Protein backbone atom coordinates (compact mmCIF):
# COMPACT_ATOMS: atom_id res chain seq x y z
CA MET A 1 -5.19 -10.53 16.06
CA ASN A 2 -3.27 -10.45 19.30
CA LEU A 3 0.38 -11.21 18.91
CA PRO A 4 2.07 -12.93 21.86
CA PHE A 5 4.99 -10.53 21.50
CA LYS A 6 5.66 -6.94 20.52
CA LEU A 7 7.08 -6.39 17.05
CA SER A 8 10.30 -4.52 16.69
CA SER A 9 9.97 -1.23 14.85
CA ASN A 10 11.89 -2.53 11.83
CA VAL A 11 9.67 -5.61 11.52
CA ALA A 12 6.56 -3.46 11.83
CA TRP A 13 7.79 -1.22 9.01
CA ILE A 14 8.53 -4.25 6.79
CA ILE A 15 5.02 -5.57 7.47
CA LEU A 16 3.58 -2.17 6.65
CA ILE A 17 5.42 -1.98 3.32
CA ILE A 18 4.19 -5.47 2.46
CA ALA A 19 0.67 -4.41 3.38
CA GLY A 20 1.08 -1.48 1.00
CA LEU A 21 2.26 -3.78 -1.77
CA PHE A 22 -0.87 -5.90 -1.26
CA GLU A 23 -2.86 -2.69 -1.57
CA VAL A 24 -1.33 -2.24 -4.99
CA VAL A 25 -2.29 -5.81 -5.87
CA TRP A 26 -5.95 -5.32 -4.92
CA ALA A 27 -6.14 -1.89 -6.58
CA ILE A 28 -4.87 -3.37 -9.88
CA GLY A 29 -6.98 -6.47 -9.24
CA MET A 30 -10.13 -4.30 -9.18
CA LYS A 31 -9.34 -3.21 -12.74
CA TYR A 32 -9.14 -6.86 -13.82
CA ALA A 33 -12.18 -7.86 -11.77
CA ASP A 34 -14.24 -5.43 -13.88
CA GLY A 35 -16.61 -4.36 -11.12
CA PHE A 36 -16.36 -7.81 -9.47
CA SER A 37 -18.08 -9.33 -12.56
CA ARG A 38 -15.13 -11.70 -13.27
CA LEU A 39 -14.86 -14.49 -10.71
CA ILE A 40 -11.08 -15.33 -10.55
CA PRO A 41 -9.79 -11.77 -10.57
CA SER A 42 -12.45 -10.90 -7.97
CA ILE A 43 -11.23 -13.69 -5.69
CA TYR A 44 -7.63 -12.58 -6.02
CA THR A 45 -8.64 -8.98 -5.32
CA LEU A 46 -10.60 -9.91 -2.19
CA VAL A 47 -7.78 -12.09 -0.90
CA ALA A 48 -5.26 -9.25 -1.47
CA MET A 49 -7.62 -6.85 0.35
CA PHE A 50 -7.85 -9.22 3.33
CA VAL A 51 -4.10 -9.66 3.51
CA SER A 52 -3.42 -5.96 3.11
CA PHE A 53 -5.83 -4.93 5.87
CA GLY A 54 -4.63 -7.77 8.09
CA LEU A 55 -1.02 -6.73 7.79
CA LEU A 56 -1.88 -3.07 8.30
CA SER A 57 -3.72 -4.04 11.51
CA ILE A 58 -0.61 -5.79 12.76
CA ALA A 59 1.68 -2.88 11.87
CA ILE A 60 -0.44 -0.29 13.66
CA LYS A 61 0.20 -2.10 16.96
CA THR A 62 3.73 -0.62 16.77
CA ILE A 63 3.57 2.27 14.29
CA PRO A 64 1.27 5.26 15.02
CA ILE A 65 -1.99 4.93 13.07
CA GLY A 66 -1.66 8.30 11.26
CA THR A 67 1.82 7.45 10.05
CA ALA A 68 1.00 3.86 9.18
CA TYR A 69 -2.15 4.75 7.28
CA ALA A 70 -0.41 7.49 5.33
CA VAL A 71 2.51 5.21 4.41
CA TRP A 72 0.13 2.36 3.49
CA THR A 73 -1.92 4.54 1.17
CA GLY A 74 1.19 6.22 -0.17
CA VAL A 75 2.68 2.87 -1.18
CA GLY A 76 -0.65 1.97 -2.73
CA VAL A 77 -0.99 5.25 -4.65
CA VAL A 78 2.56 5.26 -5.96
CA GLY A 79 2.50 1.55 -6.92
CA SER A 80 -0.90 1.83 -8.57
CA ALA A 81 0.06 4.97 -10.47
CA ILE A 82 3.33 3.45 -11.73
CA LEU A 83 1.62 0.18 -12.78
CA GLY A 84 -1.16 2.18 -14.39
CA ILE A 85 1.47 3.95 -16.50
CA LEU A 86 3.35 0.71 -17.36
CA TRP A 87 0.47 -1.78 -17.83
CA PHE A 88 -2.55 0.31 -18.77
CA HIS A 89 -0.68 3.04 -20.75
CA GLU A 90 -2.02 5.84 -18.58
CA PRO A 91 -0.36 9.19 -19.24
CA ALA A 92 3.12 9.67 -17.81
CA THR A 93 3.10 13.45 -17.86
CA PHE A 94 5.78 15.47 -16.16
CA PHE A 95 3.24 16.70 -13.60
CA ARG A 96 2.03 13.24 -12.73
CA LEU A 97 5.60 12.00 -12.26
CA ILE A 98 6.48 14.99 -10.08
CA CYS A 99 3.44 14.27 -7.91
CA ILE A 100 4.53 10.65 -7.55
CA VAL A 101 7.98 11.87 -6.41
CA PHE A 102 6.31 14.17 -3.86
CA ILE A 103 4.26 11.30 -2.47
CA LEU A 104 7.47 9.19 -2.19
CA CYS A 105 9.18 12.07 -0.36
CA GLY A 106 6.22 12.30 2.02
CA VAL A 107 6.28 8.58 2.79
CA ALA A 108 10.05 8.69 3.35
CA GLY A 109 9.63 11.77 5.54
CA LEU A 110 7.05 9.96 7.70
CA LYS A 111 9.43 7.07 8.14
CA ILE A 112 12.27 9.44 9.10
CA ALA A 113 10.00 11.48 11.38
CA SER A 114 8.93 8.31 13.24
CA HIS A 115 12.37 8.32 14.89
CA PHE A 116 11.85 11.73 16.53
């Protein structure tokens, strides 16, 4: 998708975060799609994948690919892990929570480092 204009850095970061949130949607959707054996959850999952990848592809026109991909996956990992704990009663051990905090610190660090 060629945009007729260049995105500002802030807009690109917002698009990237939204792309990461759609990654969470499709990751959780895969659980509900049950191996793509359930039609409606599978459709929602595929749409969320398409939107997530599309928004990521727009964001990488402004944000370096290594940074954008790491942030995108970081948002997906943290969001999926938190929703797994809240919705699917996955263990919320101290070690898991500390690892989630480390991922958040890494994502924030990449955002901060993008200014240097």
